[in-house]
C-alpha atoms as a PDB file:
ATOM      1  CA  UNK A   1     -44.320  94.844-103.228  1.00  0.00           C
ATOM      2  CA  UNK A   2     -41.621  97.133-101.941  1.00  0.00           C
ATOM      3  CA  UNK A   3     -42.249  98.179 -98.373  1.00  0.00           C
ATOM      4  CA  UNK A   4     -44.299  95.109 -97.495  1.00  0.00           C
ATOM      5  CA  UNK A   5     -43.362  91.949 -95.730  1.00  0.00           C
ATOM      6  CA  UNK A   6     -45.102  88.654 -95.140  1.00  0.00           C
ATOM      7  CA  UNK A   7     -47.034  88.377 -91.923  1.00  0.00           C
ATOM      8  CA  UNK A   8     -46.386  85.159 -90.025  1.00  0.00           C
ATOM      9  CA  UNK A   9     -50.049  85.284 -89.016  1.00  0.00           C
ATOM     10  CA  UNK A  10     -51.354  85.074 -92.550  1.00  0.00           C
ATOM     11  CA  UNK A  11     -51.694  88.623 -93.890  1.00  0.00           C
ATOM     12  CA  UNK A  12     -49.404  91.260 -95.365  1.00  0.00           C
ATOM     13  CA  UNK A  13     -48.449  94.525 -93.710  1.00  0.00           C
ATOM     14  CA  UNK A  14     -46.966  97.661 -95.170  1.00  0.00           C
ATOM     15  CA  UNK A  15     -43.537  98.599 -93.897  1.00  0.00           C
ATOM     16  CA  UNK A  16     -42.414 102.113 -93.084  1.00  0.00           C
ATOM     17  CA  UNK A  17     -39.368 101.958 -95.304  1.00  0.00           C
ATOM     18  CA  UNK A  18     -35.807 102.409 -94.162  1.00  0.00           C
ATOM     19  CA  UNK A  19     -35.566  98.723 -93.319  1.00  0.00           C
ATOM     20  CA  UNK A  20     -37.634  99.073 -90.134  1.00  0.00           C
ATOM     21  CA  UNK A  21     -40.757  97.070 -89.478  1.00  0.00           C
ATOM     22  CA  UNK A  22     -43.985  98.938 -89.971  1.00  0.00           C
ATOM     23  CA  UNK A  23     -47.003  99.122 -87.735  1.00  0.00           C
ATOM     24  CA  UNK A  24     -48.199  95.796 -89.133  1.00  0.00           C
ATOM     25  CA  UNK A  25     -45.443  93.989 -87.261  1.00  0.00           C
ATOM     26  CA  UNK A  26     -46.608  95.515 -84.014  1.00  0.00           C
ATOM     27  CA  UNK A  27     -50.161  94.524 -84.813  1.00  0.00           C
ATOM     28  CA  UNK A  28     -48.843  91.011 -85.399  1.00  0.00           C
ATOM     29  CA  UNK A  29     -47.101  91.081 -82.016  1.00  0.00           C
ATOM     30  CA  UNK A  30     -50.378  92.145 -80.423  1.00  0.00           C
ATOM     31  CA  UNK A  31     -52.051  89.210 -82.183  1.00  0.00           C
ATOM     32  CA  UNK A  32     -49.328  86.919 -80.839  1.00  0.00           C
ATOM     33  CA  UNK A  33     -49.939  88.193 -77.317  1.00  0.00           C
ATOM     34  CA  UNK A  34     -53.681  87.672 -77.714  1.00  0.00           C
ATOM     35  CA  UNK A  35     -53.032  84.180 -79.057  1.00  0.00           C
ATOM     36  CA  UNK A  36     -50.950  83.356 -75.983  1.00  0.00           C
ATOM     37  CA  UNK A  37     -53.697  84.685 -73.742  1.00  0.00           C
ATOM     38  CA  UNK A  38     -56.368  82.634 -75.503  1.00  0.00           C
ATOM     39  CA  UNK A  39     -54.281  79.485 -75.681  1.00  0.00           C
ATOM     40  CA  UNK A  40     -53.111  79.523 -72.105  1.00  0.00           C
ATOM     41  CA  UNK A  41     -56.007  81.270 -70.370  1.00  0.00           C
ATOM     42  CA  UNK A  42     -57.818  77.975 -69.856  1.00  0.00           C
ATOM     43  CA  UNK A  43     -54.740  75.978 -68.893  1.00  0.00           C
ATOM     44  CA  UNK A  44     -53.361  76.949 -65.545  1.00  0.00           C
ATOM     45  CA  UNK A  45     -53.931  80.624 -65.884  1.00  0.00           C
ATOM     46  CA  UNK A  46     -56.974  82.788 -65.589  1.00  0.00           C
ATOM     47  CA  UNK A  47     -59.223  80.100 -66.945  1.00  0.00           C
ATOM     48  CA  UNK A  48     -62.184  78.160 -65.793  1.00  0.00           C
ATOM     49  CA  UNK A  49     -61.918  75.820 -62.883  1.00  0.00           C
ATOM     50  CA  UNK A  50     -64.424  73.142 -62.045  1.00  0.00           C
ATOM     51  CA  UNK A  51     -67.474  74.265 -60.090  1.00  0.00           C
ATOM     52  CA  UNK A  52     -66.323  72.207 -57.086  1.00  0.00           C
ATOM     53  CA  UNK A  53     -63.006  74.061 -57.086  1.00  0.00           C
ATOM     54  CA  UNK A  54     -64.740  77.448 -56.872  1.00  0.00           C
ATOM     55  CA  UNK A  55     -66.926  76.093 -54.095  1.00  0.00           C
ATOM     56  CA  UNK A  56     -63.964  74.683 -52.169  1.00  0.00           C
ATOM     57  CA  UNK A  57     -61.971  77.893 -52.623  1.00  0.00           C
ATOM     58  CA  UNK A  58     -64.831  80.075 -51.370  1.00  0.00           C
ATOM     59  CA  UNK A  59     -65.365  77.877 -48.322  1.00  0.00           C
ATOM     60  CA  UNK A  60     -61.644  77.739 -47.544  1.00  0.00           C
ATOM     61  CA  UNK A  61     -61.336  81.523 -47.652  1.00  0.00           C
ATOM     62  CA  UNK A  62     -64.459  82.137 -45.605  1.00  0.00           C
ATOM     63  CA  UNK A  63     -63.166  79.668 -43.004  1.00  0.00           C
ATOM     64  CA  UNK A  64     -60.343  82.155 -42.434  1.00  0.00           C
ATOM     65  CA  UNK A  65     -62.441  85.329 -42.241  1.00  0.00           C
ATOM     66  CA  UNK A  66     -65.650  86.934 -43.517  1.00  0.00           C
ATOM     67  CA  UNK A  67     -65.291  88.509 -46.975  1.00  0.00           C
ATOM     68  CA  UNK A  68     -67.354  90.077 -49.716  1.00  0.00           C
ATOM     69  CA  UNK A  69     -67.420  88.689 -53.257  1.00  0.00           C
ATOM     70  CA  UNK A  70     -64.761  90.963 -54.740  1.00  0.00           C
ATOM     71  CA  UNK A  71     -62.388  90.138 -51.876  1.00  0.00           C
ATOM     72  CA  UNK A  72     -62.861  86.437 -52.573  1.00  0.00           C
ATOM     73  CA  UNK A  73     -62.070  86.873 -56.272  1.00  0.00           C
ATOM     74  CA  UNK A  74     -59.012  88.990 -55.479  1.00  0.00           C
ATOM     75  CA  UNK A  75     -57.768  86.599 -52.771  1.00  0.00           C
ATOM     76  CA  UNK A  76     -58.020  83.562 -55.063  1.00  0.00           C
ATOM     77  CA  UNK A  77     -56.113  85.431 -57.770  1.00  0.00           C
ATOM     78  CA  UNK A  78     -53.475  86.504 -55.238  1.00  0.00           C
ATOM     79  CA  UNK A  79     -53.015  83.048 -53.718  1.00  0.00           C
ATOM     80  CA  UNK A  80     -52.793  81.390 -57.117  1.00  0.00           C
ATOM     81  CA  UNK A  81     -50.033  83.766 -58.151  1.00  0.00           C
ATOM     82  CA  UNK A  82     -52.327  85.257 -60.784  1.00  0.00           C
ATOM     83  CA  UNK A  83     -52.904  81.939 -62.523  1.00  0.00           C
ATOM     84  CA  UNK A  84     -56.575  81.709 -61.540  1.00  0.00           C
ATOM     85  CA  UNK A  85     -58.984  84.613 -61.336  1.00  0.00           C
ATOM     86  CA  UNK A  86     -62.520  83.329 -61.079  1.00  0.00           C
ATOM     87  CA  UNK A  87     -65.148  85.473 -62.738  1.00  0.00           C
ATOM     88  CA  UNK A  88     -67.948  87.130 -60.819  1.00  0.00           C
ATOM     89  CA  UNK A  89     -70.220  84.889 -62.898  1.00  0.00           C
ATOM     90  CA  UNK A  90     -68.792  81.841 -61.143  1.00  0.00           C
ATOM     91  CA  UNK A  91     -68.224  83.259 -57.648  1.00  0.00           C
ATOM     92  CA  UNK A  92     -71.543  85.001 -56.973  1.00  0.00           C
ATOM     93  CA  UNK A  93     -73.764  82.050 -57.982  1.00  0.00           C
ATOM     94  CA  UNK A  94     -71.531  79.817 -55.842  1.00  0.00           C
ATOM     95  CA  UNK A  95     -71.990  82.181 -52.893  1.00  0.00           C
ATOM     96  CA  UNK A  96     -75.763  82.065 -53.397  1.00  0.00           C
ATOM     97  CA  UNK A  97     -75.715  78.269 -53.626  1.00  0.00           C
ATOM     98  CA  UNK A  98     -73.625  77.972 -50.448  1.00  0.00           C
ATOM     99  CA  UNK A  99     -76.021  80.318 -48.639  1.00  0.00           C
ATOM    100  CA  UNK A 100     -78.990  78.245 -49.844  1.00  0.00           C
ATOM    101  CA  UNK A 101     -77.260  75.139 -48.464  1.00  0.00           C
ATOM    102  CA  UNK A 102     -76.740  76.823 -45.107  1.00  0.00           C
ATOM    103  CA  UNK A 103     -72.939  76.670 -45.370  1.00  0.00           C
ATOM    104  CA  UNK A 104     -72.507  80.460 -45.323  1.00  0.00           C
ATOM    105  CA  UNK A 105     -74.557  83.479 -44.331  1.00  0.00           C
ATOM    106  CA  UNK A 106     -74.686  86.922 -45.893  1.00  0.00           C
ATOM    107  CA  UNK A 107     -75.070  90.252 -44.136  1.00  0.00           C
ATOM    108  CA  UNK A 108     -75.467  93.496 -46.019  1.00  0.00           C
ATOM    109  CA  UNK A 109     -73.773  96.679 -44.888  1.00  0.00           C
ATOM    110  CA  UNK A 110     -73.093  99.803 -46.914  1.00  0.00           C
ATOM    111  CA  UNK A 111     -74.430  98.176 -50.061  1.00  0.00           C
ATOM    112  CA  UNK A 112     -72.009  95.241 -49.854  1.00  0.00           C
ATOM    113  CA  UNK A 113     -72.798  91.700 -48.813  1.00  0.00           C
ATOM    114  CA  UNK A 114     -70.260  90.152 -46.500  1.00  0.00           C
ATOM    115  CA  UNK A 115     -70.246  86.371 -46.327  1.00  0.00           C
ATOM    116  CA  UNK A 116     -69.446  84.369 -43.200  1.00  0.00           C
ATOM    117  CA  UNK A 117     -69.026  80.627 -42.869  1.00  0.00           C
ATOM    118  CA  UNK A 118     -71.498  78.709 -40.690  1.00  0.00           C
ATOM    119  CA  UNK A 119     -70.801  75.709 -38.455  1.00  0.00           C
ATOM    120  CA  UNK A 120     -72.004  73.421 -41.246  1.00  0.00           C
ATOM    121  CA  UNK A 121     -69.660  75.155 -43.688  1.00  0.00           C
ATOM    122  CA  UNK A 122     -66.759  74.850 -41.287  1.00  0.00           C
ATOM    123  CA  UNK A 123     -67.516  71.132 -40.925  1.00  0.00           C
ATOM    124  CA  UNK A 124     -67.271  70.763 -44.716  1.00  0.00           C
ATOM    125  CA  UNK A 125     -63.930  72.605 -44.736  1.00  0.00           C
ATOM    126  CA  UNK A 126     -62.670  70.419 -41.877  1.00  0.00           C
ATOM    127  CA  UNK A 127     -63.698  67.285 -43.800  1.00  0.00           C
ATOM    128  CA  UNK A 128     -61.445  68.302 -46.693  1.00  0.00           C
ATOM    129  CA  UNK A 129     -58.445  68.919 -44.433  1.00  0.00           C
ATOM    130  CA  UNK A 130     -55.234  67.509 -45.875  1.00  0.00           C
ATOM    131  CA  UNK A 131     -56.245  68.174 -49.468  1.00  0.00           C
ATOM    132  CA  UNK A 132     -54.318  70.875 -51.358  1.00  0.00           C
ATOM    133  CA  UNK A 133     -55.977  74.267 -51.513  1.00  0.00           C
ATOM    134  CA  UNK A 134     -58.014  74.687 -54.713  1.00  0.00           C
ATOM    135  CA  UNK A 135     -55.813  77.560 -55.871  1.00  0.00           C
ATOM    136  CA  UNK A 136     -52.725  75.355 -55.473  1.00  0.00           C
ATOM    137  CA  UNK A 137     -54.054  73.002 -58.171  1.00  0.00           C
ATOM    138  CA  UNK A 138     -54.867  75.869 -60.538  1.00  0.00           C
ATOM    139  CA  UNK A 139     -51.339  76.046 -61.869  1.00  0.00           C
ATOM    140  CA  UNK A 140     -49.825  78.335 -59.250  1.00  0.00           C
ATOM    141  CA  UNK A 141     -47.528  75.594 -58.070  1.00  0.00           C
ATOM    142  CA  UNK A 142     -46.153  75.157 -61.564  1.00  0.00           C
ATOM    143  CA  UNK A 143     -44.901  78.622 -62.390  1.00  0.00           C
ATOM    144  CA  UNK A 144     -41.954  77.010 -64.164  1.00  0.00           C
ATOM    145  CA  UNK A 145     -44.224  74.844 -66.292  1.00  0.00           C
ATOM    146  CA  UNK A 146     -45.354  75.263 -69.876  1.00  0.00           C
ATOM    147  CA  UNK A 147     -48.659  76.640 -68.604  1.00  0.00           C
ATOM    148  CA  UNK A 148     -47.218  79.053 -66.060  1.00  0.00           C
ATOM    149  CA  UNK A 149     -44.383  81.499 -66.236  1.00  0.00           C
ATOM    150  CA  UNK A 150     -43.106  80.903 -69.788  1.00  0.00           C
ATOM    151  CA  UNK A 151     -46.289  81.873 -71.681  1.00  0.00           C
ATOM    152  CA  UNK A 152     -46.776  84.870 -69.401  1.00  0.00           C
ATOM    153  CA  UNK A 153     -43.208  85.983 -70.021  1.00  0.00           C
ATOM    154  CA  UNK A 154     -43.797  85.612 -73.759  1.00  0.00           C
ATOM    155  CA  UNK A 155     -46.912  87.787 -73.534  1.00  0.00           C
ATOM    156  CA  UNK A 156     -45.047  90.446 -71.597  1.00  0.00           C
ATOM    157  CA  UNK A 157     -42.223  90.398 -74.154  1.00  0.00           C
ATOM    158  CA  UNK A 158     -44.682  90.790 -77.024  1.00  0.00           C
ATOM    159  CA  UNK A 159     -46.357  93.705 -75.215  1.00  0.00           C
ATOM    160  CA  UNK A 160     -43.019  95.437 -74.657  1.00  0.00           C
ATOM    161  CA  UNK A 161     -41.965  94.939 -78.278  1.00  0.00           C
ATOM    162  CA  UNK A 162     -45.296  96.278 -79.500  1.00  0.00           C
ATOM    163  CA  UNK A 163     -44.945  99.338 -77.251  1.00  0.00           C
ATOM    164  CA  UNK A 164     -41.470 100.096 -78.643  1.00  0.00           C
ATOM    165  CA  UNK A 165     -42.792  99.612 -82.173  1.00  0.00           C
ATOM    166  CA  UNK A 166     -45.685 101.989 -81.665  1.00  0.00           C
ATOM    167  CA  UNK A 167     -43.873 104.725 -79.718  1.00  0.00           C
ATOM    168  CA  UNK A 168     -40.134 104.296 -80.253  1.00  0.00           C
ATOM    169  CA  UNK A 169     -37.834 106.130 -82.594  1.00  0.00           C
ATOM    170  CA  UNK A 170     -36.165 104.365 -85.505  1.00  0.00           C
ATOM    171  CA  UNK A 171     -33.053 103.874 -83.391  1.00  0.00           C
ATOM    172  CA  UNK A 172     -35.077 102.443 -80.480  1.00  0.00           C
ATOM    173  CA  UNK A 173     -36.847 100.055 -82.841  1.00  0.00           C
ATOM    174  CA  UNK A 174     -33.491  98.903 -84.250  1.00  0.00           C
ATOM    175  CA  UNK A 175     -32.184  98.310 -80.707  1.00  0.00           C
ATOM    176  CA  UNK A 176     -35.353  96.385 -79.816  1.00  0.00           C
ATOM    177  CA  UNK A 177     -34.936  94.159 -82.873  1.00  0.00           C
ATOM    178  CA  UNK A 178     -31.360  93.399 -81.800  1.00  0.00           C
ATOM    179  CA  UNK A 179     -32.524  92.515 -78.278  1.00  0.00           C
ATOM    180  CA  UNK A 180     -35.254  90.238 -79.628  1.00  0.00           C
ATOM    181  CA  UNK A 181     -32.836  88.533 -82.026  1.00  0.00           C
ATOM    182  CA  UNK A 182     -30.417  87.908 -79.150  1.00  0.00           C
ATOM    183  CA  UNK A 183     -33.223  86.602 -76.933  1.00  0.00           C
ATOM    184  CA  UNK A 184     -34.325  84.198 -79.684  1.00  0.00           C
ATOM    185  CA  UNK A 185     -30.767  82.892 -80.106  1.00  0.00           C
ATOM    186  CA  UNK A 186     -30.393  82.415 -76.351  1.00  0.00           C
ATOM    187  CA  UNK A 187     -33.699  80.545 -76.113  1.00  0.00           C
ATOM    188  CA  UNK A 188     -32.619  78.126 -78.823  1.00  0.00           C
ATOM    189  CA  UNK A 189     -29.281  77.666 -77.055  1.00  0.00           C
ATOM    190  CA  UNK A 190     -31.172  76.553 -73.939  1.00  0.00           C
ATOM    191  CA  UNK A 191     -32.749  73.753 -75.966  1.00  0.00           C
ATOM    192  CA  UNK A 192     -29.332  72.800 -77.329  1.00  0.00           C
ATOM    193  CA  UNK A 193     -27.861  72.314 -73.842  1.00  0.00           C
ATOM    194  CA  UNK A 194     -27.373  68.789 -72.556  1.00  0.00           C
END
């Protein structure tokens, strides 16, 4: 059993000896990152929004200017601070539905469809005036919440630690472990504050 250590995720990984974590630890950190992504991807970040939210977001953006589908996806992601990126599988059917309802029109140029809001679409946008923008309710306004910045920061930390583990020298790995230990202590001290 020398050279192995228990995996907090249920398995066992071989160590590299010399007291430094082996590649299994970095695999575990990758699993942790993936777990964060799965757990928080549907809560305030990158996850599914209700069909009406996609519809409202598309109409709101097209009320500002004509756009093609990719621009709409990118603009929603940008305005939500990265917390909501609708999939093409939700945006393009919504665009087709809105066109069928006469709320937008599509013109094709250079192989891309550009969508423009109609008077009927603008009337629907005007009727929802005063309501928060759909991307504002997707979690972007709560970047300090449990479903915003903290999980994303944890994912980024796990990615950085995994990168050091895969590519760093023994000394760099030791330094990274010290940094992570200090970060853990400081996080617990935040909870201990009054």
